[in-house]
C-alpha atoms as a PDB file:
ATOM      1  CA  MET A   1      94.165 -17.267  20.885  1.00  0.00           C
ATOM      2  CA  ASN A   2      95.705 -15.160  23.833  1.00  0.00           C
ATOM      3  CA  THR A   3      94.887 -11.594  25.029  1.00  0.00           C
ATOM      4  CA  ILE A   4      97.903  -9.904  23.606  1.00  0.00           C
ATOM      5  CA  SER A   5      97.664 -11.253  20.082  1.00  0.00           C
ATOM      6  CA  THR A   6      93.942 -10.048  20.219  1.00  0.00           C
ATOM      7  CA  ILE A   7      95.498  -6.677  21.083  1.00  0.00           C
ATOM      8  CA  THR A   8      98.036  -6.660  18.199  1.00  0.00           C
ATOM      9  CA  LEU A   9      95.081  -7.048  15.865  1.00  0.00           C
ATOM     10  CA  LEU A  10      94.236  -3.601  16.758  1.00  0.00           C
ATOM     11  CA  PRO A  11      95.276  -0.802  13.929  1.00  0.00           C
ATOM     12  CA  SER A  12      98.576   0.820  14.760  1.00  0.00           C
ATOM     13  CA  THR A  13      98.929   3.676  12.928  1.00  0.00           C
ATOM     14  CA  LYS A  14      96.740   6.989  12.763  1.00  0.00           C
ATOM     15  CA  ALA A  15      95.365   6.294   9.393  1.00  0.00           C
ATOM     16  CA  GLU A  16      94.531   2.501  10.213  1.00  0.00           C
ATOM     17  CA  ARG A  17      92.693   3.838  13.349  1.00  0.00           C
ATOM     18  CA  LYS A  18      90.758   6.430  11.479  1.00  0.00           C
ATOM     19  CA  SER A  19      89.835   3.845   8.660  1.00  0.00           C
ATOM     20  CA  TRP A  20      89.018   1.041  11.595  1.00  0.00           C
ATOM     21  CA  ALA A  21      86.892   3.385  13.322  1.00  0.00           C
ATOM     22  CA  GLU A  22      85.092   4.483  10.244  1.00  0.00           C
ATOM     23  CA  ASN A  23      84.370   0.957   9.167  1.00  0.00           C
ATOM     24  CA  ALA A  24      83.346   0.170  12.581  1.00  0.00           C
ATOM     25  CA  LYS A  25      80.896   2.790  12.691  1.00  0.00           C
ATOM     26  CA  GLN A  26      79.389   1.967   9.140  1.00  0.00           C
ATOM     27  CA  GLU A  27      78.924  -1.906  10.423  1.00  0.00           C
ATOM     28  CA  ILE A  28      77.274  -0.372  13.557  1.00  0.00           C
ATOM     29  CA  LEU A  29      74.994   1.669  11.528  1.00  0.00           C
ATOM     30  CA  SER A  30      74.079  -1.035   8.921  1.00  0.00           C
ATOM     31  CA  GLY A  31      71.556  -2.634  11.302  1.00  0.00           C
ATOM     32  CA  ASN A  32      73.252  -5.912  11.228  1.00  0.00           C
ATOM     33  CA  TYR A  33      74.262  -5.609  14.894  1.00  0.00           C
ATOM     34  CA  ASP A  34      72.722  -4.443  18.004  1.00  0.00           C
ATOM     35  CA  PRO A  35      74.273  -0.810  18.575  1.00  0.00           C
ATOM     36  CA  GLY A  36      73.663  -0.933  22.303  1.00  0.00           C
ATOM     37  CA  THR A  37      75.582  -4.040  22.869  1.00  0.00           C
ATOM     38  CA  ILE A  38      78.553  -2.833  20.456  1.00  0.00           C
ATOM     39  CA  TYR A  39      78.382   0.360  22.549  1.00  0.00           C
ATOM     40  CA  ILE A  40      78.746  -1.492  25.588  1.00  0.00           C
ATOM     41  CA  ASN A  41      81.637  -3.890  24.253  1.00  0.00           C
ATOM     42  CA  ILE A  42      83.659  -0.970  23.073  1.00  0.00           C
ATOM     43  CA  LYS A  43      83.191   0.861  26.642  1.00  0.00           C
ATOM     44  CA  SER A  44      84.140  -2.578  28.218  1.00  0.00           C
ATOM     45  CA  ALA A  45      87.344  -2.762  25.996  1.00  0.00           C
ATOM     46  CA  MET A  46      88.250   0.853  26.834  1.00  0.00           C
ATOM     47  CA  ASP A  47      88.233   0.001  30.353  1.00  0.00           C
ATOM     48  CA  VAL A  48      90.289  -3.145  29.777  1.00  0.00           C
ATOM     49  CA  MET A  49      92.734  -1.165  28.035  1.00  0.00           C
ATOM     50  CA  LYS A  50      92.980   1.780  30.954  1.00  0.00           C
ATOM     51  CA  GLN A  51      93.519  -0.766  33.379  1.00  0.00           C
ATOM     52  CA  ILE A  52      96.326  -2.171  31.401  1.00  0.00           C
ATOM     53  CA  ILE A  53      98.107   1.068  30.740  1.00  0.00           C
ATOM     54  CA  ASP A  54      97.715   2.171  34.472  1.00  0.00           C
ATOM     55  CA  ASP A  55      98.986  -0.776  35.815  1.00  0.00           C
ATOM     56  CA  LYS A  56     101.949   0.025  37.851  1.00  0.00           C
ATOM     57  CA  GLU A  57     104.089  -3.265  36.557  1.00  0.00           C
ATOM     58  CA  VAL A  58     103.407  -2.686  33.246  1.00  0.00           C
ATOM     59  CA  LYS A  59     104.345   1.024  33.331  1.00  0.00           C
ATOM     60  CA  GLU A  60     107.621  -0.051  34.926  1.00  0.00           C
ATOM     61  CA  ALA A  61     108.574  -2.555  32.154  1.00  0.00           C
ATOM     62  CA  VAL A  62     107.364   0.092  29.458  1.00  0.00           C
ATOM     63  CA  MET A  63     109.714   2.802  31.096  1.00  0.00           C
ATOM     64  CA  GLU A  64     112.664   0.220  31.399  1.00  0.00           C
ATOM     65  CA  GLN A  65     112.385  -0.560  27.593  1.00  0.00           C
ATOM     66  CA  THR A  66     111.954   3.238  26.810  1.00  0.00           C
ATOM     67  CA  MET A  67     115.057   3.861  28.956  1.00  0.00           C
ATOM     68  CA  ARG A  68     117.155   1.589  26.903  1.00  0.00           C
ATOM     69  CA  GLY A  69     116.806   3.980  23.996  1.00  0.00           C
ATOM     70  CA  GLU A  70     118.025   6.657  26.434  1.00  0.00           C
ATOM     71  CA  THR A  71     115.024   9.100  26.475  1.00  0.00           C
ATOM     72  CA  SER A  72     112.778   7.531  23.644  1.00  0.00           C
ATOM     73  CA  THR A  73     112.244   4.497  21.883  1.00  0.00           C
ATOM     74  CA  GLU A  74     110.487   4.464  18.280  1.00  0.00           C
ATOM     75  CA  LEU A  75     108.270   1.361  17.746  1.00  0.00           C
ATOM     76  CA  SER A  76     106.072   0.403  14.756  1.00  0.00           C
ATOM     77  CA  GLY A  77     102.926   2.246  16.248  1.00  0.00           C
ATOM     78  CA  GLY A  78     104.370   5.393  17.748  1.00  0.00           C
ATOM     79  CA  THR A  79     107.176   6.668  19.768  1.00  0.00           C
ATOM     80  CA  LEU A  80     107.577   6.084  23.621  1.00  0.00           C
ATOM     81  CA  SER A  81     109.446   8.833  25.305  1.00  0.00           C
ATOM     82  CA  ILE A  82     110.366   9.695  29.130  1.00  0.00           C
ATOM     83  CA  THR A  83     109.791  13.348  30.152  1.00  0.00           C
ATOM     84  CA  GLN A  84     110.522  15.128  33.399  1.00  0.00           C
ATOM     85  CA  LYS A  85     107.582  15.840  35.365  1.00  0.00           C
ATOM     86  CA  ALA A  86     107.826  18.864  38.138  1.00  0.00           C
ATOM     87  CA  GLU A  87     105.280  19.228  40.753  1.00  0.00           C
ATOM     88  CA  TYR A  88     105.463  22.781  42.535  1.00  0.00           C
ATOM     89  CA  HIS A  89     103.940  23.468  45.917  1.00  0.00           C
ATOM     90  CA  PHE A  90     102.934  27.019  46.957  1.00  0.00           C
ATOM     91  CA  SER A  91     101.289  26.615  50.451  1.00  0.00           C
ATOM     92  CA  HIS A  92     104.233  27.377  52.656  1.00  0.00           C
ATOM     93  CA  ASP A  93     104.083  31.062  51.342  1.00  0.00           C
ATOM     94  CA  PRO A  94     101.996  33.422  53.595  1.00  0.00           C
ATOM     95  CA  LYS A  95     100.729  35.395  50.850  1.00  0.00           C
ATOM     96  CA  TRP A  96      99.671  32.693  48.669  1.00  0.00           C
ATOM     97  CA  PHE A  97      98.045  30.859  51.427  1.00  0.00           C
ATOM     98  CA  GLU A  98      95.922  33.898  52.424  1.00  0.00           C
ATOM     99  CA  LEU A  99      94.895  34.156  48.880  1.00  0.00           C
ATOM    100  CA  GLU A 100      93.873  30.536  48.591  1.00  0.00           C
ATOM    101  CA  CYS A 101      91.727  30.865  51.921  1.00  0.00           C
ATOM    102  CA  GLN A 102      90.181  33.852  49.934  1.00  0.00           C
ATOM    103  CA  ILE A 103      89.338  31.771  47.179  1.00  0.00           C
ATOM    104  CA  VAL A 104      88.083  28.895  48.886  1.00  0.00           C
ATOM    105  CA  ALA A 105      85.706  31.111  51.015  1.00  0.00           C
ATOM    106  CA  LEU A 106      84.702  32.854  48.067  1.00  0.00           C
ATOM    107  CA  ARG A 107      83.969  29.665  45.960  1.00  0.00           C
ATOM    108  CA  GLN A 108      81.901  28.398  48.957  1.00  0.00           C
ATOM    109  CA  LYS A 109      79.728  31.582  48.808  1.00  0.00           C
ATOM    110  CA  GLN A 110      79.565  31.296  45.062  1.00  0.00           C
ATOM    111  CA  GLU A 111      78.201  28.111  45.289  1.00  0.00           C
ATOM    112  CA  ALA A 112      75.767  28.821  47.963  1.00  0.00           C
ATOM    113  CA  HIS A 113      74.660  31.551  45.743  1.00  0.00           C
ATOM    114  CA  GLU A 114      74.295  29.321  42.957  1.00  0.00           C
ATOM    115  CA  GLY A 115      71.975  26.883  45.102  1.00  0.00           C
ATOM    116  CA  LEU A 116      69.752  29.898  45.813  1.00  0.00           C
ATOM    117  CA  MET A 117      69.664  30.803  41.808  1.00  0.00           C
ATOM    118  CA  LYS A 118      68.607  26.985  41.182  1.00  0.00           C
ATOM    119  CA  ALA A 119      65.917  27.168  43.634  1.00  0.00           C
ATOM    120  CA  ALA A 120      64.493  30.510  42.560  1.00  0.00           C
ATOM    121  CA  THR A 121      61.697  30.800  40.003  1.00  0.00           C
ATOM    122  CA  GLN A 122      61.616  34.637  39.812  1.00  0.00           C
ATOM    123  CA  ILE A 123      63.761  37.501  41.045  1.00  0.00           C
ATOM    124  CA  MET A 124      63.766  37.453  45.240  1.00  0.00           C
ATOM    125  CA  THR A 125      65.445  39.799  47.466  1.00  0.00           C
ATOM    126  CA  LEU A 126      67.510  38.162  50.635  1.00  0.00           C
ATOM    127  CA  PRO A 127      67.012  39.904  53.822  1.00  0.00           C
ATOM    128  CA  ASP A 128      70.671  41.704  53.601  1.00  0.00           C
ATOM    129  CA  GLY A 129      69.015  43.246  50.407  1.00  0.00           C
ATOM    130  CA  THR A 130      71.109  41.071  47.820  1.00  0.00           C
ATOM    131  CA  GLU A 131      68.675  40.224  44.703  1.00  0.00           C
ATOM    132  CA  VAL A 132      68.851  36.812  43.811  1.00  0.00           C
ATOM    133  CA  HIS A 133      67.935  35.926  39.895  1.00  0.00           C
ATOM    134  CA  PRO A 134      66.882  32.536  39.074  1.00  0.00           C
ATOM    135  CA  ALA A 135      69.366  30.650  37.142  1.00  0.00           C
ATOM    136  CA  ARG A 136      69.229  30.159  33.502  1.00  0.00           C
ATOM    137  CA  LYS A 137      68.930  26.489  32.447  1.00  0.00           C
ATOM    138  CA  PHE A 138      70.119  25.744  28.866  1.00  0.00           C
ATOM    139  CA  PRO A 139      69.342  22.189  27.561  1.00  0.00           C
ATOM    140  CA  LYS A 140      72.593  20.271  26.487  1.00  0.00           C
ATOM    141  CA  GLY A 141      70.918  17.725  25.004  1.00  0.00           C
ATOM    142  CA  GLU A 142      70.737  13.989  25.935  1.00  0.00           C
ATOM    143  CA  VAL A 143      73.624  12.105  27.663  1.00  0.00           C
ATOM    144  CA  LEU A 144      74.116   8.643  27.083  1.00  0.00           C
ATOM    145  CA  ASN A 145      75.298   6.864  30.327  1.00  0.00           C
ATOM    146  CA  CYS A 146      76.921   3.251  30.360  1.00  0.00           C
ATOM    147  CA  LYS A 147      77.633   1.249  33.454  1.00  0.00           C
ATOM    148  CA  LEU A 148      79.512  -1.926  32.993  1.00  0.00           C
ATOM    149  CA  LYS A 149      78.820  -4.806  35.028  1.00  0.00           C
END
C-alpha cells in the first residue's frame, strides 16, 4: 500500500470525521490499546500531515489545480479557494514608530515587574517607593507534553 492510498482511507466529510474520531476515542478507552502509544501515533500522524500541507511544491501543485477553477475548486471532501492576502507596513510613519517604541519600552518594564512579582512572597517596597505585590498563581491543571523521536 502506498502512502497516498493510506491518506485516502481517512474520512473526508465533517460527519465522517466526527464519527471516526468518536470511534477512535471509544477504542482507545476500551482498554484494548495502549493510550500513550496511540497518542504518540496520532501526534506523529499530525506532524506528517503538517509537513505535507506546508511543503512548498505541494502548495504550488494545489494552487495550480485550484486556479484551473478560477478562484475555487469543489472537491469530494471540501472546497479549495484562492484569496488575496495583504500585508501592511507602518514603521515608515514617524508617529506610529514613536508609539511602537513606547509600547516596546513599556512591555519591557512590565515583564521586569512581572519577574519581581513572581519572586515576591509578600508585598515589598522598592527603593523608589513602588509597591510590588506577589503574583497570584492559578493552577491550570496538568499539561501533557509529547516529544516525537
